[in-house]
Protein backbone atom coordinates (compact mmCIF):
# COMPACT_ATOMS: atom_id res chain seq x y z
CA MET A 1 46.75 112.11 79.89
CA LEU A 2 44.77 108.94 80.39
CA LYS A 3 41.13 109.11 79.45
CA TYR A 4 40.01 107.56 82.73
CA SER A 5 42.19 109.95 84.71
CA LYS A 6 40.69 112.86 82.82
CA CYS A 7 37.26 111.84 83.98
CA LEU A 8 38.52 111.72 87.55
CA PHE A 9 39.96 115.20 87.29
CA LEU A 10 36.94 116.73 85.62
CA TRP A 11 34.35 115.95 88.21
CA SER A 12 36.66 116.50 91.16
CA ALA A 13 38.21 119.76 90.05
CA ILE A 14 34.89 121.52 89.73
CA LEU A 15 33.47 120.77 93.16
CA CYS A 16 34.75 124.04 94.63
CA VAL A 17 33.18 125.98 91.78
CA PHE A 18 29.75 124.41 91.52
CA THR A 19 28.95 122.62 94.78
CA THR A 20 26.74 124.77 97.01
CA ASN A 21 26.39 127.18 94.07
CA MET A 22 23.40 125.07 93.14
CA SER A 23 22.03 125.08 96.66
CA ALA A 24 22.17 128.87 96.61
CA GLN A 25 19.78 128.82 93.66
CA LEU A 26 17.30 126.31 95.09
CA SER A 27 13.84 127.46 96.05
CA LYS A 28 12.40 126.98 99.51
CA GLY A 29 11.42 123.38 100.21
CA GLN A 30 13.71 121.83 97.59
CA LEU A 31 16.16 119.09 98.54
CA ILE A 32 19.62 120.70 98.84
CA ASP A 33 21.51 117.44 98.40
CA GLY A 34 21.25 113.73 98.97
CA ILE A 35 23.19 110.49 98.87
CA ALA A 36 22.98 108.85 95.45
CA ALA A 37 25.20 105.89 96.28
CA VAL A 38 27.67 104.42 98.75
CA ILE A 39 30.68 102.26 97.80
CA GLY A 40 32.38 100.85 100.88
CA ASP A 41 32.77 104.01 102.94
CA GLU A 42 32.87 106.35 99.93
CA ILE A 43 29.78 108.48 99.33
CA VAL A 44 28.39 109.81 96.02
CA LEU A 45 26.21 112.88 96.43
CA GLU A 46 23.45 113.94 94.06
CA SER A 47 25.37 117.21 93.67
CA ASP A 48 28.41 115.25 92.42
CA ILE A 49 26.33 113.94 89.52
CA GLU A 50 24.83 117.35 88.83
CA ASP A 51 28.28 118.96 88.84
CA GLN A 52 29.65 116.54 86.28
CA ALA A 53 26.62 116.99 84.02
CA ASN A 54 26.88 120.78 84.25
CA TYR A 55 30.59 120.69 83.45
CA ALA A 56 29.99 118.46 80.42
CA LYS A 57 27.39 120.91 79.13
CA GLN A 58 29.74 123.86 79.59
CA GLN A 59 32.44 122.02 77.63
CA GLY A 60 30.04 121.48 74.73
CA ALA A 61 29.81 117.73 75.22
CA ASN A 62 26.69 115.77 74.40
CA VAL A 63 25.10 115.20 77.79
CA GLY A 64 23.56 111.76 77.99
CA GLU A 65 21.66 110.06 80.74
CA ARG A 66 22.23 110.95 84.39
CA CYS A 67 23.06 107.25 84.79
CA ASP A 68 26.21 107.72 82.69
CA PHE A 69 27.56 110.37 85.05
CA LEU A 70 26.69 108.27 88.09
CA GLU A 71 28.56 105.28 86.69
CA SER A 72 31.62 107.40 85.94
CA ILE A 73 31.67 108.58 89.57
CA LEU A 74 31.00 105.06 90.88
CA ASN A 75 34.06 103.83 89.00
CA ASN A 76 36.18 106.60 90.48
CA LYS A 77 34.90 105.99 94.01
CA LEU A 78 35.67 102.30 93.75
CA LEU A 79 39.23 103.10 92.68
CA ILE A 80 39.59 105.49 95.61
CA TYR A 81 38.12 103.02 98.12
CA GLU A 82 40.42 100.21 97.01
CA ALA A 83 43.46 102.49 96.77
CA LYS A 84 43.17 103.45 100.42
CA LYS A 85 43.44 99.75 101.35
CA ASP A 86 46.35 99.07 98.98
CA THR A 87 49.54 98.85 101.04
CA LEU A 88 51.66 99.44 97.94
CA ILE A 89 50.16 102.90 97.49
CA GLU A 90 51.92 105.48 99.62
CA ASN A 91 49.84 107.30 102.20
CA ARG A 92 50.33 110.98 101.42
CA SER A 93 47.71 112.40 103.78
CA ALA A 94 50.15 114.74 105.53
CA ALA A 95 51.62 116.07 102.28
CA ILE A 96 48.17 116.53 100.74
CA LYS A 97 46.99 118.41 103.82
CA GLU A 98 49.99 120.75 103.59
CA MET A 99 49.40 121.27 99.89
CA ALA A 100 45.75 122.12 100.56
CA GLY A 101 46.95 124.94 102.79
CA THR A 102 49.27 126.14 100.04
CA LYS A 103 46.50 126.08 97.44
CA TYR A 104 44.20 127.93 99.82
CA THR A 105 46.83 130.67 100.17
CA GLN A 106 47.28 130.84 96.39
CA ILE A 107 43.54 131.24 95.85
CA LEU A 108 43.38 133.82 98.63
CA SER A 109 46.04 135.89 96.87
CA GLN A 110 43.55 136.52 94.06
CA PHE A 111 41.06 138.24 96.38
CA PRO A 112 41.20 141.45 98.43
CA ASP A 113 40.55 139.50 101.64
CA GLU A 114 39.51 136.13 103.03
CA LYS A 115 35.88 137.12 103.45
CA ALA A 116 35.56 137.96 99.75
CA MET A 117 37.12 134.65 98.74
CA LEU A 118 34.86 132.56 101.00
CA ALA A 119 31.83 134.42 99.69
CA ALA A 120 32.88 133.83 96.08
CA TYR A 121 33.31 130.08 96.64
CA LYS A 122 30.30 129.94 99.00
CA PHE A 123 32.09 128.46 101.99
CA ARG A 124 31.25 129.55 105.51
CA THR A 125 34.73 129.16 106.99
CA SER A 126 38.33 128.74 105.91
CA TYR A 127 38.27 125.30 107.55
CA GLU A 128 35.44 124.18 105.25
CA MET A 129 37.24 125.39 102.13
CA LYS A 130 40.58 123.83 103.08
CA ALA A 131 38.79 120.56 103.86
CA ALA A 132 37.12 120.63 100.43
CA ILE A 133 40.44 121.23 98.67
CA GLU A 134 42.05 118.43 100.69
CA LYS A 135 39.21 116.03 99.82
CA ILE A 136 39.48 116.77 96.10
CA ASP A 137 43.27 116.31 96.10
CA THR A 138 43.02 113.13 98.16
CA ASP A 139 40.48 111.59 95.79
CA ASN A 140 42.53 112.58 92.75
CA TYR A 141 45.72 111.13 94.23
CA TYR A 142 44.23 107.79 95.24
CA GLY A 143 42.17 107.43 92.07
CA GLN A 144 45.20 108.04 89.83
CA ALA A 145 47.44 105.81 91.92
CA LYS A 146 45.03 102.86 91.79
CA TYR A 147 44.35 103.34 88.10
CA GLY A 148 48.10 103.28 87.51
CA ARG A 149 48.55 100.13 89.61
CA ILE A 150 45.81 98.28 87.73
CA THR A 151 47.07 99.26 84.27
CA GLU A 152 50.85 99.49 84.85
CA LYS A 153 51.62 96.42 82.70
CA ALA A 154 49.27 97.33 79.86
CA ASP A 155 50.82 97.66 76.42
CA VAL A 156 49.78 97.38 72.79
CA THR A 157 51.54 95.69 69.91
CA PRO A 158 51.86 97.24 66.43
CA THR A 159 49.21 94.77 65.26
CA GLU A 160 46.82 95.94 67.99
CA VAL A 161 47.43 99.56 67.02
CA THR A 162 46.65 98.77 63.38
CA ASP A 163 43.53 96.83 64.34
CA PHE A 164 42.37 99.72 66.55
CA TYR A 165 42.91 102.18 63.72
CA ASN A 166 41.06 100.08 61.16
CA GLN A 167 38.12 99.63 63.53
CA PHE A 168 37.79 103.24 64.65
CA LYS A 169 39.43 105.36 61.92
CA PHE A 170 36.16 107.00 60.89
CA GLN A 171 35.45 107.95 64.52
CA LEU A 172 38.89 109.33 65.33
CA PRO A 173 39.19 113.12 65.66
CA ASN A 174 40.78 115.22 62.94
CA VAL A 175 44.10 116.87 63.69
CA LYS A 176 43.87 120.66 63.63
CA ASP A 177 46.58 122.94 62.22
CA GLU A 178 49.69 122.42 64.34
CA VAL A 179 53.25 123.66 64.59
CA VAL A 180 56.43 122.51 66.30
CA LEU A 181 58.29 125.48 67.80
CA SER A 182 61.50 126.23 69.68
CA LYS A 183 61.98 129.40 71.70
CA ILE A 184 64.83 131.32 73.29
CA SER A 185 63.91 133.96 75.88
CA ILE A 186 66.06 136.30 77.94
CA PHE A 187 65.11 138.65 80.75
CA PRO A 188 66.40 142.20 80.32
CA LYS A 189 69.06 142.87 82.97
CA LEU A 190 68.70 145.90 85.20
CA SER A 191 71.54 148.40 85.20
CA GLU A 192 73.44 148.93 88.45
CA ALA A 193 71.98 152.44 88.68
CA HIS A 194 68.45 151.03 88.37
CA LYS A 195 69.13 148.42 91.06
CA LYS A 196 70.47 151.09 93.44
CA GLU A 197 67.36 153.17 92.82
CA ILE A 198 65.06 150.29 93.84
CA ILE A 199 67.15 149.43 96.91
CA ALA A 200 67.17 153.09 97.98
CA LYS A 201 63.36 153.19 97.69
CA LEU A 202 62.98 150.11 99.89
CA ASN A 203 65.46 151.44 102.44
CA LYS A 204 63.41 154.66 102.64
CA ILE A 205 60.24 152.61 103.23
CA LYS A 206 62.05 150.62 105.93
CA GLU A 207 63.16 153.83 107.62
CA ASP A 208 59.58 155.16 107.55
CA ILE A 209 58.37 151.94 109.22
CA LYS A 210 61.00 152.32 111.94
CA ASN A 211 59.71 155.88 112.46
CA GLY A 212 56.14 154.74 113.09
CA GLU A 213 54.53 153.79 109.78
CA SER A 214 52.99 150.30 109.79
CA PHE A 215 54.49 147.63 107.54
CA GLU A 216 50.96 146.65 106.52
CA ASN A 217 50.01 150.14 105.29
CA GLN A 218 53.32 150.60 103.47
CA ALA A 219 52.77 147.27 101.70
CA ARG A 220 49.31 148.36 100.58
CA ILE A 221 50.77 151.59 99.17
CA TYR A 222 54.06 150.46 97.64
CA SER A 223 54.14 146.68 97.09
CA GLU A 224 53.92 145.50 93.49
CA ASP A 225 52.95 141.94 94.43
CA GLU A 226 49.38 141.69 93.13
CA GLY A 227 48.83 138.59 95.26
CA SER A 228 49.52 140.16 98.65
CA ALA A 229 49.57 143.97 98.40
CA ALA A 230 45.85 144.31 99.19
CA LEU A 231 46.43 142.10 102.25
CA GLY A 232 49.18 144.35 103.55
CA GLY A 233 51.85 142.07 102.09
CA LEU A 234 50.67 139.11 104.18
CA TYR A 235 51.29 135.46 103.37
CA LYS A 236 49.93 133.01 105.95
CA ASN A 237 50.78 129.37 106.60
CA ILE A 238 53.76 129.34 104.24
CA ASN A 239 55.29 125.89 104.06
CA VAL A 240 59.08 125.72 104.26
CA GLY A 241 60.26 125.23 100.67
CA GLN A 242 57.25 126.97 99.14
CA MET A 243 58.78 130.39 98.46
CA VAL A 244 61.79 131.21 96.27
CA LYS A 245 65.06 130.55 98.09
CA PRO A 246 66.29 134.14 98.65
CA PHE A 247 62.91 135.12 100.16
CA GLU A 248 62.74 132.09 102.43
CA ALA A 249 66.36 132.30 103.55
CA ALA A 250 65.86 135.93 104.56
CA ALA A 251 62.48 135.36 106.24
CA LEU A 252 63.64 132.40 108.32
CA ASN A 253 66.74 134.24 109.52
CA LEU A 254 64.61 136.99 111.06
CA GLN A 255 63.29 137.25 114.58
CA GLU A 256 59.54 137.77 114.86
CA GLY A 257 58.80 141.44 114.12
CA GLU A 258 62.24 142.09 112.62
CA ILE A 259 62.53 143.64 109.13
CA SER A 260 65.08 142.48 106.58
CA ASP A 261 67.31 144.61 104.40
CA PRO A 262 66.28 144.63 100.70
CA VAL A 263 66.48 141.06 99.36
CA GLU A 264 66.88 140.27 95.66
CA SER A 265 64.98 137.39 94.04
CA GLU A 266 63.98 136.52 90.50
CA TYR A 267 60.86 138.68 90.98
CA GLY A 268 62.58 141.83 92.18
CA TYR A 269 63.54 143.24 95.59
CA HIS A 270 61.73 142.57 98.86
CA LEU A 271 61.46 143.97 102.35
CA ILE A 272 60.38 141.10 104.59
CA THR A 273 59.13 140.90 108.14
CA LEU A 274 58.51 137.62 109.95
CA ILE A 275 55.17 137.56 111.77
CA LYS A 276 55.45 134.15 113.40
CA ARG A 277 56.94 130.72 112.85
CA ASN A 278 55.51 127.38 113.93
CA GLY A 279 57.58 124.35 112.97
CA LYS A 280 57.68 124.07 109.19
CA ARG A 281 55.18 126.86 108.65
CA TYR A 282 55.44 130.58 109.03
CA ASP A 283 53.58 133.85 108.40
CA ALA A 284 55.35 136.80 106.82
CA ARG A 285 54.67 140.15 105.20
CA HIS A 286 56.70 141.61 102.36
CA ILE A 287 56.90 144.65 100.14
CA LEU A 288 57.99 143.87 96.58
CA ILE A 289 59.41 146.28 94.04
CA LYS A 290 59.60 144.37 90.78
CA SER A 291 62.67 144.27 88.56
CA THR A 292 60.74 145.93 85.75
CA PRO A 293 63.19 146.88 82.99
CA ASN A 294 63.11 150.33 81.45
CA ALA A 295 63.19 151.09 77.72
CA GLU A 296 66.98 151.23 77.63
CA GLU A 297 67.34 147.83 79.32
CA ILE A 298 64.75 146.28 77.00
CA ALA A 299 66.61 147.66 73.98
CA ALA A 300 69.87 146.15 75.24
CA ALA A 301 68.26 142.71 75.66
CA THR A 302 66.70 142.96 72.19
CA LYS A 303 70.10 143.77 70.68
CA GLN A 304 71.69 140.83 72.50
CA LEU A 305 69.05 138.38 71.24
CA ASP A 306 69.30 139.76 67.71
CA SER A 307 73.04 138.99 67.80
CA ILE A 308 72.25 135.42 68.92
CA ARG A 309 69.76 135.09 66.07
CA THR A 310 72.42 136.25 63.60
CA LEU A 311 74.83 133.58 64.85
CA ILE A 312 72.15 130.92 64.26
CA LEU A 313 71.30 132.20 60.78
CA GLN A 314 75.00 132.20 59.86
CA ASN A 315 75.24 128.56 61.01
CA LYS A 316 77.84 129.48 63.62
CA MET A 317 75.57 128.01 66.31
CA SER A 318 72.47 125.81 66.23
CA PHE A 319 69.21 126.96 67.78
CA LYS A 320 69.56 124.06 70.22
CA GLU A 321 73.02 125.16 71.33
CA ALA A 322 71.89 128.76 71.69
CA ALA A 323 68.91 127.71 73.84
CA TYR A 324 71.18 125.75 76.19
CA LYS A 325 73.66 128.59 76.42
CA PHE A 326 71.54 131.75 76.51
CA SER A 327 67.87 131.08 77.30
CA ASP A 328 66.51 132.20 80.68
CA ASP A 329 63.26 130.29 80.18
CA LYS A 330 63.56 127.27 82.47
CA SER A 331 60.42 125.66 81.03
CA ASN A 332 62.21 124.69 77.81
CA LYS A 333 65.88 125.66 78.21
CA PHE A 334 66.98 122.05 78.71
CA SER A 335 64.83 120.64 75.91
CA ALA A 336 66.77 122.57 73.26
CA GLY A 337 64.18 125.33 73.50
CA VAL A 338 61.41 123.06 72.18
CA MET A 339 57.99 124.17 73.41
CA THR A 340 55.82 121.33 74.71
CA ASN A 341 52.09 120.74 74.81
CA ASN A 342 50.93 120.96 78.44
CA GLN A 343 48.13 118.47 77.83
CA ASP A 344 50.01 115.51 76.39
CA GLY A 345 53.67 116.45 76.69
CA SER A 346 54.25 116.28 72.93
CA ASP A 347 55.98 118.94 70.83
CA ARG A 348 52.93 119.51 68.62
CA LEU A 349 51.05 122.72 69.39
CA GLU A 350 47.65 123.66 67.98
CA ARG A 351 47.87 127.02 66.25
CA LEU A 352 44.55 128.11 67.77
CA GLY A 353 45.88 127.43 71.26
CA LEU A 354 49.10 129.43 70.92
CA ASP A 355 49.86 132.53 72.94
CA PRO A 356 48.46 135.36 70.76
CA THR A 357 51.85 137.12 70.74
CA ILE A 358 53.63 134.02 69.41
CA SER A 359 50.81 133.29 66.95
CA TYR A 360 51.19 136.79 65.50
CA GLN A 361 54.97 136.53 65.28
CA ILE A 362 55.03 133.21 63.36
CA ALA A 363 52.22 134.13 60.97
CA GLY A 364 53.42 133.58 57.40
CA LEU A 365 56.71 131.90 58.40
CA LYS A 366 57.88 128.70 56.75
CA LYS A 367 59.63 125.69 58.24
CA ASN A 368 63.04 126.59 59.79
CA ASP A 369 62.28 130.34 59.75
CA ILE A 370 63.13 132.34 62.88
CA THR A 371 61.21 135.37 64.10
CA GLU A 372 62.77 138.73 64.82
CA PRO A 373 63.21 139.41 68.57
CA PHE A 374 59.91 140.36 70.18
CA GLN A 375 58.70 141.28 73.65
CA GLN A 376 56.36 139.11 75.71
CA GLU A 377 55.59 138.25 79.35
CA ASP A 378 56.02 135.01 81.27
CA GLN A 379 53.41 133.55 83.63
CA GLN A 380 54.61 135.85 86.41
CA LYS A 381 54.09 138.87 84.13
CA ARG A 382 57.84 139.48 83.85
CA LYS A 383 58.96 141.10 80.61
CA MET A 384 61.22 139.01 78.39
CA ILE A 385 62.58 139.17 74.86
CA SER A 386 62.13 136.07 72.69
CA ILE A 387 62.83 134.55 69.31
CA VAL A 388 60.96 131.53 67.95
CA GLN A 389 61.99 129.01 65.32
CA VAL A 390 59.36 127.12 63.32
CA ASN A 391 60.61 123.52 63.32
CA ASP A 392 57.64 122.00 61.55
CA ILE A 393 54.19 122.84 60.20
CA ILE A 394 51.46 120.20 60.29
CA ASP A 395 48.34 121.03 58.31
CA ALA A 396 44.92 119.91 59.53
CA HIS A 397 44.28 116.32 58.49
CA GLN A 398 42.55 113.08 59.38
CA LEU A 399 44.64 110.79 61.57
CA GLU A 400 46.76 108.37 59.55
CA LEU A 401 48.96 105.50 60.73
CA SER A 402 51.83 106.69 58.56
CA THR A 403 52.01 110.17 60.11
CA ASP A 404 50.28 109.87 63.50
CA TYR A 405 51.29 106.44 64.75
CA GLU A 406 52.24 107.56 68.28
CA ARG A 407 48.92 109.36 68.79
CA ILE A 408 46.93 106.39 67.54
CA LYS A 409 49.02 104.08 69.72
CA GLU A 410 48.19 106.21 72.78
CA MET A 411 44.48 106.03 71.95
CA ALA A 412 44.66 102.26 71.52
CA LEU A 413 46.53 101.93 74.81
CA ASN A 414 43.95 104.07 76.63
CA LYS A 415 41.15 101.90 75.27
CA LYS A 416 42.95 98.78 76.47
CA LYS A 417 43.54 100.29 79.92
CA ASN A 418 39.87 101.24 80.22
CA GLU A 419 38.89 97.67 79.36
CA ILE A 420 41.27 96.35 82.02
CA VAL A 421 39.77 98.69 84.61
CA GLU A 422 36.22 97.76 83.59
CA LYS A 423 37.04 94.08 84.06
CA TRP A 424 38.63 94.85 87.44
CA VAL A 425 35.52 96.81 88.50
CA ASN A 426 33.23 93.88 87.65
CA GLU A 427 35.44 91.51 89.63
CA LYS A 428 35.40 93.81 92.67
CA ILE A 429 31.69 94.67 92.77
CA PRO A 430 30.47 91.40 94.36
CA SER A 431 32.85 91.72 97.32
CA ILE A 432 32.07 95.33 98.29
CA PHE A 433 29.13 96.91 100.06
CA ILE A 434 27.29 99.02 97.47
CA SER A 435 24.11 100.95 98.03
CA ILE A 436 22.43 102.85 95.19
CA ASP A 437 19.33 104.99 95.49
CA ASP A 438 16.12 103.48 94.12
CA LYS A 439 15.77 106.22 91.49
CA TYR A 440 18.71 104.67 89.61
CA LYS A 441 17.40 101.08 89.64
CA ASP A 442 16.55 101.18 85.92
CA CYS A 443 19.96 102.48 84.81
CA LYS A 444 21.69 100.47 82.09
CA PHE A 445 25.20 100.47 83.52
CA HIS A 446 28.16 99.03 81.59
CA SER A 447 29.34 97.26 84.74
CA ASN A 448 27.22 95.15 87.09
CA TRP A 449 26.61 97.92 89.61
CA LEU A 450 23.05 96.82 90.41
CA LYS A 451 23.90 93.15 90.87
CA ASN A 452 23.99 92.18 94.58
CA THR A 453 23.56 95.87 95.41
CA VAL A 454 21.44 97.29 98.21
CA VAL A 455 18.82 99.55 96.63
CA THR A 456 17.61 102.31 98.94
CA THR A 457 14.83 104.85 98.70
CA ALA A 458 15.66 108.47 99.45
CA LYS A 459 13.71 109.91 102.36
């Protein structure tokens, strides 16, 4: 990810966590917040600067002058301000607003009720919280889009990469112990008898509801969806296309108040009732019984994967071919089972950052070794059986051109992009209204933020 974009994400993503948290700790008579600067019609609050400084401290970074954090935010705000005027940048206000509602619902699913969530994030109303999420996402979108537009033609030659390395090689970070891994995972399949048992249970619950029990109470008692059970199975403001297809198809084919028959999805079996529908949004309740495999079904999946492993070891099938053919893990099935780094998209994974289960399984293995089948869970807590192949082992080392060219090239390119953006910022400053509070008049900014700038005194 681009260095400049990272900065944008860091300060924005933490607003919901820290903003107003500070105000809750202020003593009587203290200033709750104030305007540190204005760029065009974009405002920088004192709390924005404080949030970024606090986040840097929590991440173990060396926290410098407050001026440094202000300049970082000023740069971001200028990108956002100019992006909103750029006709080549798509206006995604409607989509961002919808997504804010979706994120709100996802956060809500982690709490017993809306009141508890609002209290935890220190918002007074759901409207305030949704507006904050929307603002963060809007700023991130426009900031990234403008950064991309400014730097889209940036590139570095091999000579520039070499020059960058020679200039900064003693400042470049060391590479920690890494591995390149491929994985095949399969979900244990439920027997027909097990499926019938789950369906019968849901049909009994449905019959009880018809006989007077409330859907809400039955969801609280029986649903295995951790996100909605405490809310009586309720999901509000669901956007069409948000839920898995079997769920949505069933929900949208119901009349308001009607209850579906048991519906199978990748998560298990659902009873669904439609509360209301308004255009492309709807409210629904559901009761989920997960497709949790029993010991016999897990043993069958383990035996199946062990047979696949044997075929690979006997060179009757490559790991890549087996991943394409057998893996149920959509995250890497179509990349030959290769596991990727979520931060930079590469195939190199830091050992210290591995899932503990995988780290334990590959301990002591050499290059090209394959683990025995083992049990783990995916992000949705579904049980799966996996095998992992160690494709490569990279010991901790200092970055070298001969072995880490692509990483060094990316660093050199990021530096060049940042220089392009800094030049662009300096060219834009004279033509934009900028007001910076008097307390920052002595800041030593990298860009000419104080030149031709209105300096104000906080009241």
